[in-house]
PDB file of all heavy atoms in Angstrom:
ATOM      1  N   LEU A   1       3.839  20.672  -3.569  1.00  0.00           N
ATOM      2  CA  LEU A   1       2.708  21.561  -3.302  1.00  0.00           C
ATOM      3  C   LEU A   1       2.822  22.298  -1.970  1.00  0.00           C
ATOM      4  O   LEU A   1       2.106  23.272  -1.735  1.00  0.00           O
ATOM      5  CB  LEU A   1       1.405  20.755  -3.306  1.00  0.00           C
ATOM      6  CG  LEU A   1       1.059  20.025  -4.608  1.00  0.00           C
ATOM      7  CD1 LEU A   1      -0.112  19.079  -4.390  1.00  0.00           C
ATOM      8  CD2 LEU A   1       0.731  21.037  -5.708  1.00  0.00           C
ATOM      9  N   THR A   2       3.695  21.828  -1.087  1.00  0.00           N
ATOM     10  CA  THR A   2       3.817  22.437   0.238  1.00  0.00           C
ATOM     11  C   THR A   2       5.211  22.187   0.784  1.00  0.00           C
ATOM     12  O   THR A   2       5.870  21.215   0.402  1.00  0.00           O
ATOM     13  CB  THR A   2       2.772  21.846   1.213  1.00  0.00           C
ATOM     14  OG1 THR A   2       2.839  22.522   2.455  1.00  0.00           O
ATOM     15  CG2 THR A   2       2.989  20.362   1.432  1.00  0.00           C
ATOM     16  N   ASP A   3       5.631  23.067   1.681  1.00  0.00           N
ATOM     17  CA  ASP A   3       6.924  22.864   2.340  1.00  0.00           C
ATOM     18  C   ASP A   3       6.747  22.451   3.801  1.00  0.00           C
ATOM     19  O   ASP A   3       7.698  22.449   4.578  1.00  0.00           O
ATOM     20  CB  ASP A   3       7.784  24.130   2.253  1.00  0.00           C
ATOM     21  CG  ASP A   3       7.127  25.333   2.934  1.00  0.00           C
ATOM     22  OD1 ASP A   3       5.988  25.201   3.424  1.00  0.00           O
ATOM     23  OD2 ASP A   3       7.757  26.403   2.958  1.00  0.00           O
ATOM     24  N   ARG A   4       5.510  22.081   4.172  1.00  0.00           N
ATOM     25  CA  ARG A   4       5.248  21.697   5.559  1.00  0.00           C
ATOM     26  C   ARG A   4       5.718  20.265   5.831  1.00  0.00           C
ATOM     27  O   ARG A   4       5.800  19.447   4.916  1.00  0.00           O
ATOM     28  CB  ARG A   4       3.757  21.815   5.865  1.00  0.00           C
ATOM     29  CG  ARG A   4       3.196  23.234   5.708  1.00  0.00           C
ATOM     30  CD  ARG A   4       3.859  24.211   6.661  1.00  0.00           C
ATOM     31  NE  ARG A   4       3.300  25.539   6.549  1.00  0.00           N
ATOM     32  CZ  ARG A   4       2.285  25.985   7.277  1.00  0.00           C
ATOM     33  NH1 ARG A   4       1.706  25.194   8.155  1.00  0.00           N
ATOM     34  NH2 ARG A   4       1.837  27.219   7.112  1.00  0.00           N
ATOM     35  N   PRO A   5       6.001  19.926   7.087  1.00  0.00           N
ATOM     36  CA  PRO A   5       6.525  18.594   7.411  1.00  0.00           C
ATOM     37  C   PRO A   5       5.496  17.483   7.166  1.00  0.00           C
ATOM     38  O   PRO A   5       4.291  17.665   7.357  1.00  0.00           O
ATOM     39  CB  PRO A   5       6.877  18.695   8.898  1.00  0.00           C
ATOM     40  CG  PRO A   5       6.949  20.156   9.183  1.00  0.00           C
ATOM     41  CD  PRO A   5       5.985  20.818   8.261  1.00  0.00           C
ATOM     42  N   LEU A   6       6.016  16.322   6.784  1.00  0.00           N
ATOM     43  CA  LEU A   6       5.190  15.149   6.544  1.00  0.00           C
ATOM     44  C   LEU A   6       5.607  14.030   7.487  1.00  0.00           C
ATOM     45  O   LEU A   6       6.792  13.777   7.706  1.00  0.00           O
ATOM     46  CB  LEU A   6       5.339  14.666   5.096  1.00  0.00           C
ATOM     47  CG  LEU A   6       5.032  15.692   4.002  1.00  0.00           C
ATOM     48  CD1 LEU A   6       5.181  15.050   2.634  1.00  0.00           C
ATOM     49  CD2 LEU A   6       3.639  16.287   4.176  1.00  0.00           C
ATOM     50  N   LEU A   7       4.603  13.377   8.048  1.00  0.00           N
ATOM     51  CA  LEU A   7       4.796  12.268   8.978  1.00  0.00           C
ATOM     52  C   LEU A   7       4.179  11.039   8.332  1.00  0.00           C
ATOM     53  O   LEU A   7       2.991  11.059   7.986  1.00  0.00           O
ATOM     54  CB  LEU A   7       4.109  12.610  10.301  1.00  0.00           C
ATOM     55  CG  LEU A   7       4.387  11.823  11.565  1.00  0.00           C
ATOM     56  CD1 LEU A   7       3.757  12.548  12.757  1.00  0.00           C
ATOM     57  CD2 LEU A   7       3.868  10.404  11.499  1.00  0.00           C
ATOM     58  N   GLN A   8       4.954   9.990   8.144  1.00  0.00           N
ATOM     59  CA  GLN A   8       4.432   8.783   7.508  1.00  0.00           C
ATOM     60  C   GLN A   8       4.292   7.677   8.534  1.00  0.00           C
ATOM     61  O   GLN A   8       5.216   7.399   9.300  1.00  0.00           O
ATOM     62  CB  GLN A   8       5.335   8.326   6.365  1.00  0.00           C
ATOM     63  CG  GLN A   8       4.712   7.203   5.534  1.00  0.00           C
ATOM     64  CD  GLN A   8       5.445   6.949   4.234  1.00  0.00           C
ATOM     65  OE1 GLN A   8       6.599   7.328   4.080  1.00  0.00           O
ATOM     66  NE2 GLN A   8       4.779   6.307   3.293  1.00  0.00           N
ATOM     67  N   ALA A   9       3.113   7.057   8.559  1.00  0.00           N
ATOM     68  CA  ALA A   9       2.827   5.998   9.521  1.00  0.00           C
ATOM     69  C   ALA A   9       3.011   4.632   8.871  1.00  0.00           C
ATOM     70  O   ALA A   9       2.694   4.437   7.689  1.00  0.00           O
ATOM     71  CB  ALA A   9       1.394   6.132  10.034  1.00  0.00           C
ATOM     72  N   PHE A  10       3.510   3.691   9.652  1.00  0.00           N
ATOM     73  CA  PHE A  10       3.718   2.326   9.190  1.00  0.00           C
ATOM     74  C   PHE A  10       3.136   1.354  10.202  1.00  0.00           C
ATOM     75  O   PHE A  10       3.361   1.496  11.403  1.00  0.00           O
ATOM     76  CB  PHE A  10       5.213   2.028   9.017  1.00  0.00           C
ATOM     77  CG  PHE A  10       5.857   2.792   7.906  1.00  0.00           C
ATOM     78  CD1 PHE A  10       6.377   4.064   8.142  1.00  0.00           C
ATOM     79  CD2 PHE A  10       5.923   2.266   6.625  1.00  0.00           C
ATOM     80  CE1 PHE A  10       6.965   4.793   7.118  1.00  0.00           C
ATOM     81  CE2 PHE A  10       6.509   2.985   5.595  1.00  0.00           C
ATOM     82  CZ  PHE A  10       7.028   4.245   5.838  1.00  0.00           C
ATOM     83  N   ARG A  11       2.408   0.372   9.698  1.00  0.00           N
ATOM     84  CA  ARG A  11       1.900  -0.700  10.557  1.00  0.00           C
ATOM     85  C   ARG A  11       3.011  -1.735  10.702  1.00  0.00           C
ATOM     86  O   ARG A  11       3.520  -2.265   9.715  1.00  0.00           O
ATOM     87  CB  ARG A  11       0.658  -1.327   9.945  1.00  0.00           C
ATOM     88  CG  ARG A  11      -0.491  -0.344   9.833  1.00  0.00           C
ATOM     89  CD  ARG A  11      -1.703  -0.956   9.171  1.00  0.00           C
ATOM     90  NE  ARG A  11      -2.785   0.007   9.065  1.00  0.00           N
ATOM     91  CZ  ARG A  11      -3.966  -0.245   8.500  1.00  0.00           C
ATOM     92  NH1 ARG A  11      -4.200  -1.453   7.992  1.00  0.00           N
ATOM     93  NH2 ARG A  11      -4.892   0.672   8.451  1.00  0.00           N
ATOM     94  N   ILE A  12       3.369  -2.045  11.925  1.00  0.00           N
ATOM     95  CA  ILE A  12       4.518  -2.890  12.179  1.00  0.00           C
ATOM     96  C   ILE A  12       4.062  -4.273  12.652  1.00  0.00           C
ATOM     97  O   ILE A  12       3.428  -4.416  13.700  1.00  0.00           O
ATOM     98  CB  ILE A  12       5.444  -2.263  13.241  1.00  0.00           C
ATOM     99  CG1 ILE A  12       5.869  -0.860  12.799  1.00  0.00           C
ATOM    100  CG2 ILE A  12       6.647  -3.157  13.485  1.00  0.00           C
ATOM    101  CD1 ILE A  12       6.597  -0.786  11.481  1.00  0.00           C
ATOM    102  N   ALA A  13       4.397  -5.287  11.843  1.00  0.00           N
ATOM    103  CA  ALA A  13       4.139  -6.673  12.228  1.00  0.00           C
ATOM    104  C   ALA A  13       5.419  -7.497  12.257  1.00  0.00           C
ATOM    105  O   ALA A  13       5.501  -8.492  12.969  1.00  0.00           O
ATOM    106  CB  ALA A  13       3.138  -7.321  11.277  1.00  0.00           C
ATOM    107  N   ASP A  14       6.416  -7.054  11.471  1.00  0.00           N
ATOM    108  CA  ASP A  14       7.663  -7.824  11.411  1.00  0.00           C
ATOM    109  C   ASP A  14       8.795  -6.912  10.956  1.00  0.00           C
ATOM    110  O   ASP A  14       8.618  -5.712  10.731  1.00  0.00           O
ATOM    111  CB  ASP A  14       7.513  -9.018  10.464  1.00  0.00           C
ATOM    112  CG  ASP A  14       7.008  -8.613   9.084  1.00  0.00           C
ATOM    113  OD1 ASP A  14       7.347  -7.490   8.611  1.00  0.00           O
ATOM    114  OD2 ASP A  14       6.279  -9.402   8.469  1.00  0.00           O
ATOM    115  N   GLY A  15       9.974  -7.499  10.813  1.00  0.00           N
ATOM    116  CA  GLY A  15      11.143  -6.732  10.434  1.00  0.00           C
ATOM    117  C   GLY A  15      11.045  -6.101   9.063  1.00  0.00           C
ATOM    118  O   GLY A  15      11.624  -5.029   8.828  1.00  0.00           O
ATOM    119  N   GLU A  16      10.318  -6.724   8.158  1.00  0.00           N
ATOM    120  CA  GLU A  16      10.167  -6.144   6.819  1.00  0.00           C
ATOM    121  C   GLU A  16       9.431  -4.812   6.890  1.00  0.00           C
ATOM    122  O   GLU A  16       9.762  -3.873   6.161  1.00  0.00           O
ATOM    123  CB  GLU A  16       9.415  -7.120   5.915  1.00  0.00           C
ATOM    124  CG  GLU A  16       9.208  -6.625   4.493  1.00  0.00           C
ATOM    125  CD  GLU A  16      10.507  -6.291   3.780  1.00  0.00           C
ATOM    126  OE1 GLU A  16      11.519  -6.970   4.020  1.00  0.00           O
ATOM    127  OE2 GLU A  16      10.502  -5.334   2.979  1.00  0.00           O
ATOM    128  N   ASP A  17       8.442  -4.717   7.751  1.00  0.00           N
ATOM    129  CA  ASP A  17       7.732  -3.447   7.930  1.00  0.00           C
ATOM    130  C   ASP A  17       8.686  -2.366   8.431  1.00  0.00           C
ATOM    131  O   ASP A  17       8.614  -1.215   8.004  1.00  0.00           O
ATOM    132  CB  ASP A  17       6.575  -3.620   8.917  1.00  0.00           C
ATOM    133  CG  ASP A  17       5.495  -4.548   8.394  1.00  0.00           C
ATOM    134  OD1 ASP A  17       5.282  -4.582   7.165  1.00  0.00           O
ATOM    135  OD2 ASP A  17       4.884  -5.248   9.221  1.00  0.00           O
ATOM    136  N   LEU A  18       9.585  -2.737   9.334  1.00  0.00           N
ATOM    137  CA  LEU A  18      10.555  -1.773   9.841  1.00  0.00           C
ATOM    138  C   LEU A  18      11.526  -1.329   8.754  1.00  0.00           C
ATOM    139  O   LEU A  18      11.922  -0.162   8.699  1.00  0.00           O
ATOM    140  CB  LEU A  18      11.328  -2.369  11.014  1.00  0.00           C
ATOM    141  CG  LEU A  18      10.593  -2.415  12.352  1.00  0.00           C
ATOM    142  CD1 LEU A  18      11.451  -3.124  13.389  1.00  0.00           C
ATOM    143  CD2 LEU A  18      10.215  -1.029  12.834  1.00  0.00           C
ATOM    144  N   ARG A  19      11.896  -2.254   7.874  1.00  0.00           N
ATOM    145  CA  ARG A  19      12.795  -1.870   6.771  1.00  0.00           C
ATOM    146  C   ARG A  19      12.122  -0.873   5.842  1.00  0.00           C
ATOM    147  O   ARG A  19      12.765   0.061   5.340  1.00  0.00           O
ATOM    148  CB  ARG A  19      13.249  -3.123   6.012  1.00  0.00           C
ATOM    149  CG  ARG A  19      14.324  -3.909   6.758  1.00  0.00           C
ATOM    150  CD  ARG A  19      14.886  -5.036   5.920  1.00  0.00           C
ATOM    151  NE  ARG A  19      13.969  -6.162   5.849  1.00  0.00           N
ATOM    152  CZ  ARG A  19      13.887  -7.120   6.765  1.00  0.00           C
ATOM    153  NH1 ARG A  19      14.668  -7.075   7.834  1.00  0.00           N
ATOM    154  NH2 ARG A  19      13.045  -8.119   6.637  1.00  0.00           N
ATOM    155  N   ARG A  20      10.841  -1.053   5.609  1.00  0.00           N
ATOM    156  CA  ARG A  20      10.117  -0.079   4.785  1.00  0.00           C
ATOM    157  C   ARG A  20      10.085   1.278   5.474  1.00  0.00           C
ATOM    158  O   ARG A  20      10.276   2.319   4.834  1.00  0.00           O
ATOM    159  CB  ARG A  20       8.677  -0.554   4.518  1.00  0.00           C
ATOM    160  CG  ARG A  20       8.578  -1.717   3.563  1.00  0.00           C
ATOM    161  CD  ARG A  20       7.141  -1.967   3.119  1.00  0.00           C
ATOM    162  NE  ARG A  20       6.230  -2.140   4.215  1.00  0.00           N
ATOM    163  CZ  ARG A  20       5.319  -1.250   4.611  1.00  0.00           C
ATOM    164  NH1 ARG A  20       5.206  -0.089   3.985  1.00  0.00           N
ATOM    165  NH2 ARG A  20       4.518  -1.513   5.636  1.00  0.00           N
ATOM    166  N   ALA A  21       9.848   1.281   6.771  1.00  0.00           N
ATOM    167  CA  ALA A  21       9.812   2.539   7.513  1.00  0.00           C
ATOM    168  C   ALA A  21      11.171   3.224   7.486  1.00  0.00           C
ATOM    169  O   ALA A  21      11.263   4.455   7.344  1.00  0.00           O
ATOM    170  CB  ALA A  21       9.371   2.277   8.954  1.00  0.00           C
ATOM    171  N   GLU A  22      12.221   2.448   7.608  1.00  0.00           N
ATOM    172  CA  GLU A  22      13.576   3.001   7.602  1.00  0.00           C
ATOM    173  C   GLU A  22      13.861   3.740   6.296  1.00  0.00           C
ATOM    174  O   GLU A  22      14.571   4.742   6.268  1.00  0.00           O
ATOM    175  CB  GLU A  22      14.598   1.877   7.798  1.00  0.00           C
ATOM    176  CG  GLU A  22      16.037   2.322   7.784  1.00  0.00           C
ATOM    177  CD  GLU A  22      16.411   3.166   8.991  1.00  0.00           C
ATOM    178  OE1 GLU A  22      15.867   2.909  10.078  1.00  0.00           O
ATOM    179  OE2 GLU A  22      17.238   4.083   8.841  1.00  0.00           O
ATOM    180  N   GLY A  23      13.288   3.258   5.200  1.00  0.00           N
ATOM    181  CA  GLY A  23      13.560   3.848   3.897  1.00  0.00           C
ATOM    182  C   GLY A  23      12.708   5.048   3.553  1.00  0.00           C
ATOM    183  O   GLY A  23      12.904   5.665   2.492  1.00  0.00           O
ATOM    184  N   SER A  24      11.770   5.424   4.409  1.00  0.00           N
ATOM    185  CA  SER A  24      10.887   6.551   4.109  1.00  0.00           C
ATOM    186  C   SER A  24      11.654   7.872   4.126  1.00  0.00           C
ATOM    187  O   SER A  24      12.483   8.110   5.005  1.00  0.00           O
ATOM    188  CB  SER A  24       9.750   6.621   5.131  1.00  0.00           C
ATOM    189  OG  SER A  24       8.998   7.811   4.976  1.00  0.00           O
ATOM    190  N   SER A  25      11.341   8.738   3.176  1.00  0.00           N
ATOM    191  CA  SER A  25      11.959  10.067   3.134  1.00  0.00           C
ATOM    192  C   SER A  25      11.152  11.102   3.907  1.00  0.00           C
ATOM    193  O   SER A  25      11.498  12.287   3.912  1.00  0.00           O
ATOM    194  CB  SER A  25      12.114  10.531   1.682  1.00  0.00           C
ATOM    195  OG  SER A  25      10.837  10.667   1.066  1.00  0.00           O
ATOM    196  N   ALA A  26      10.079  10.680   4.583  1.00  0.00           N
ATOM    197  CA  ALA A  26       9.260  11.604   5.363  1.00  0.00           C
ATOM    198  C   ALA A  26      10.075  12.239   6.483  1.00  0.00           C
ATOM    199  O   ALA A  26      11.061  11.677   6.953  1.00  0.00           O
ATOM    200  CB  ALA A  26       8.050  10.885   5.951  1.00  0.00           C
ATOM    201  N   ASP A  27       9.665  13.417   6.912  1.00  0.00           N
ATOM    202  CA  ASP A  27      10.359  14.116   7.987  1.00  0.00           C
ATOM    203  C   ASP A  27      10.327  13.332   9.290  1.00  0.00           C
ATOM    204  O   ASP A  27      11.294  13.327  10.058  1.00  0.00           O
ATOM    205  CB  ASP A  27       9.723  15.493   8.212  1.00  0.00           C
ATOM    206  CG  ASP A  27       9.812  16.367   6.976  1.00  0.00           C
ATOM    207  OD1 ASP A  27      10.891  16.899   6.698  1.00  0.00           O
ATOM    208  OD2 ASP A  27       8.787  16.484   6.273  1.00  0.00           O
ATOM    209  N   LEU A  28       9.192  12.701   9.551  1.00  0.00           N
ATOM    210  CA  LEU A  28       9.018  11.881  10.755  1.00  0.00           C
ATOM    211  C   LEU A  28       8.337  10.583  10.361  1.00  0.00           C
ATOM    212  O   LEU A  28       7.603  10.541   9.363  1.00  0.00           O
ATOM    213  CB  LEU A  28       8.146  12.606  11.784  1.00  0.00           C
ATOM    214  CG  LEU A  28       8.732  13.805  12.519  1.00  0.00           C
ATOM    215  CD1 LEU A  28       7.621  14.539  13.268  1.00  0.00           C
ATOM    216  CD2 LEU A  28       9.808  13.349  13.502  1.00  0.00           C
ATOM    217  N   ILE A  29       8.552   9.547  11.155  1.00  0.00           N
ATOM    218  CA  ILE A  29       7.812   8.307  10.941  1.00  0.00           C
ATOM    219  C   ILE A  29       7.108   7.927  12.235  1.00  0.00           C
ATOM    220  O   ILE A  29       7.556   8.263  13.334  1.00  0.00           O
ATOM    221  CB  ILE A  29       8.707   7.155  10.459  1.00  0.00           C
ATOM    222  CG1 ILE A  29       9.841   6.883  11.439  1.00  0.00           C
ATOM    223  CG2 ILE A  29       9.239   7.423   9.060  1.00  0.00           C
ATOM    224  CD1 ILE A  29      10.606   5.618  11.125  1.00  0.00           C
ATOM    225  N   LEU A  30       5.986   7.231  12.062  1.00  0.00           N
ATOM    226  CA  LEU A  30       5.191   6.757  13.190  1.00  0.00           C
ATOM    227  C   LEU A  30       5.047   5.252  13.033  1.00  0.00           C
ATOM    228  O   LEU A  30       4.711   4.759  11.955  1.00  0.00           O
ATOM    229  CB  LEU A  30       3.835   7.450  13.207  1.00  0.00           C
ATOM    230  CG  LEU A  30       2.866   7.078  14.330  1.00  0.00           C
ATOM    231  CD1 LEU A  30       2.062   8.307  14.779  1.00  0.00           C
ATOM    232  CD2 LEU A  30       1.894   5.976  13.875  1.00  0.00           C
ATOM    233  N   LEU A  31       5.325   4.522  14.097  1.00  0.00           N
ATOM    234  CA  LEU A  31       5.240   3.065  14.081  1.00  0.00           C
ATOM    235  C   LEU A  31       4.028   2.645  14.892  1.00  0.00           C
ATOM    236  O   LEU A  31       3.913   2.973  16.068  1.00  0.00           O
ATOM    237  CB  LEU A  31       6.521   2.456  14.667  1.00  0.00           C
ATOM    238  CG  LEU A  31       7.834   2.939  14.028  1.00  0.00           C
ATOM    239  CD1 LEU A  31       9.029   2.265  14.691  1.00  0.00           C
ATOM    240  CD2 LEU A  31       7.840   2.725  12.525  1.00  0.00           C
ATOM    241  N   ASP A  32       3.122   1.895  14.255  1.00  0.00           N
ATOM    242  CA  ASP A  32       1.800   1.655  14.820  1.00  0.00           C
ATOM    243  C   ASP A  32       1.446   0.181  14.708  1.00  0.00           C
ATOM    244  O   ASP A  32       1.913  -0.525  13.808  1.00  0.00           O
ATOM    245  CB  ASP A  32       0.776   2.494  14.040  1.00  0.00           C
ATOM    246  CG  ASP A  32      -0.565   2.602  14.733  1.00  0.00           C
ATOM    247  OD1 ASP A  32      -0.736   2.055  15.831  1.00  0.00           O
ATOM    248  OD2 ASP A  32      -1.455   3.257  14.159  1.00  0.00           O
ATOM    249  N   ALA A  33       0.583  -0.272  15.633  1.00  0.00           N
ATOM    250  CA  ALA A  33       0.025  -1.615  15.507  1.00  0.00           C
ATOM    251  C   ALA A  33      -0.944  -1.672  14.338  1.00  0.00           C
ATOM    252  O   ALA A  33      -1.116  -2.712  13.707  1.00  0.00           O
ATOM    253  CB  ALA A  33      -0.674  -2.018  16.799  1.00  0.00           C
ATOM    254  N   GLY A  34      -1.609  -0.567  14.069  1.00  0.00           N
ATOM    255  CA  GLY A  34      -2.369  -0.430  12.833  1.00  0.00           C
ATOM    256  C   GLY A  34      -3.821  -0.810  12.870  1.00  0.00           C
ATOM    257  O   GLY A  34      -4.578  -0.416  12.005  1.00  0.00           O
ATOM    258  N   ALA A  35      -4.253  -1.574  13.855  1.00  0.00           N
ATOM    259  CA  ALA A  35      -5.631  -2.050  13.826  1.00  0.00           C
ATOM    260  C   ALA A  35      -6.613  -1.076  14.454  1.00  0.00           C
ATOM    261  O   ALA A  35      -7.813  -1.186  14.257  1.00  0.00           O
ATOM    262  CB  ALA A  35      -5.728  -3.395  14.543  1.00  0.00           C
ATOM    263  N   GLY A  36      -6.118  -0.123  15.236  1.00  0.00           N
ATOM    264  CA  GLY A  36      -7.016   0.823  15.880  1.00  0.00           C
ATOM    265  C   GLY A  36      -7.852   0.224  16.986  1.00  0.00           C
ATOM    266  O   GLY A  36      -8.878   0.775  17.377  1.00  0.00           O
ATOM    267  N   ASP A  37      -7.409  -0.923  17.506  1.00  0.00           N
ATOM    268  CA  ASP A  37      -8.200  -1.615  18.522  1.00  0.00           C
ATOM    269  C   ASP A  37      -7.560  -1.576  19.904  1.00  0.00           C
ATOM    270  O   ASP A  37      -7.947  -2.325  20.807  1.00  0.00           O
ATOM    271  CB  ASP A  37      -8.418  -3.075  18.111  1.00  0.00           C
ATOM    272  CG  ASP A  37      -7.115  -3.829  17.894  1.00  0.00           C
ATOM    273  OD1 ASP A  37      -6.045  -3.227  18.107  1.00  0.00           O
ATOM    274  OD2 ASP A  37      -7.176  -5.006  17.506  1.00  0.00           O
ATOM    275  N   GLY A  38      -6.568  -0.713  20.071  1.00  0.00           N
ATOM    276  CA  GLY A  38      -5.932  -0.590  21.366  1.00  0.00           C
ATOM    277  C   GLY A  38      -4.868  -1.628  21.640  1.00  0.00           C
ATOM    278  O   GLY A  38      -4.376  -1.717  22.769  1.00  0.00           O
ATOM    279  N   ALA A  39      -4.486  -2.417  20.623  1.00  0.00           N
ATOM    280  CA  ALA A  39      -3.461  -3.435  20.818  1.00  0.00           C
ATOM    281  C   ALA A  39      -2.079  -2.876  20.515  1.00  0.00           C
ATOM    282  O   ALA A  39      -1.939  -1.963  19.696  1.00  0.00           O
ATOM    283  CB  ALA A  39      -3.742  -4.635  19.918  1.00  0.00           C
ATOM    284  N   VAL A  40      -1.070  -3.422  21.164  1.00  0.00           N
ATOM    285  CA  VAL A  40       0.312  -3.033  20.892  1.00  0.00           C
ATOM    286  C   VAL A  40       0.936  -4.052  19.951  1.00  0.00           C
ATOM    287  O   VAL A  40       0.490  -5.195  19.873  1.00  0.00           O
ATOM    288  CB  VAL A  40       1.150  -2.926  22.185  1.00  0.00           C
ATOM    289  CG1 VAL A  40       0.557  -1.906  23.136  1.00  0.00           C
ATOM    290  CG2 VAL A  40       1.260  -4.286  22.868  1.00  0.00           C
TER     291      VAL A  40
END
């Protein structure tokens, strides 16, 4: 539907989360704590 860039965010708790992020076909990836509470 669009040719604009896509950024996919992943909540990172362990290595499995990183493996999922590695496999994303998105133009960019964002690695996040995910809770929105200011924690790293």
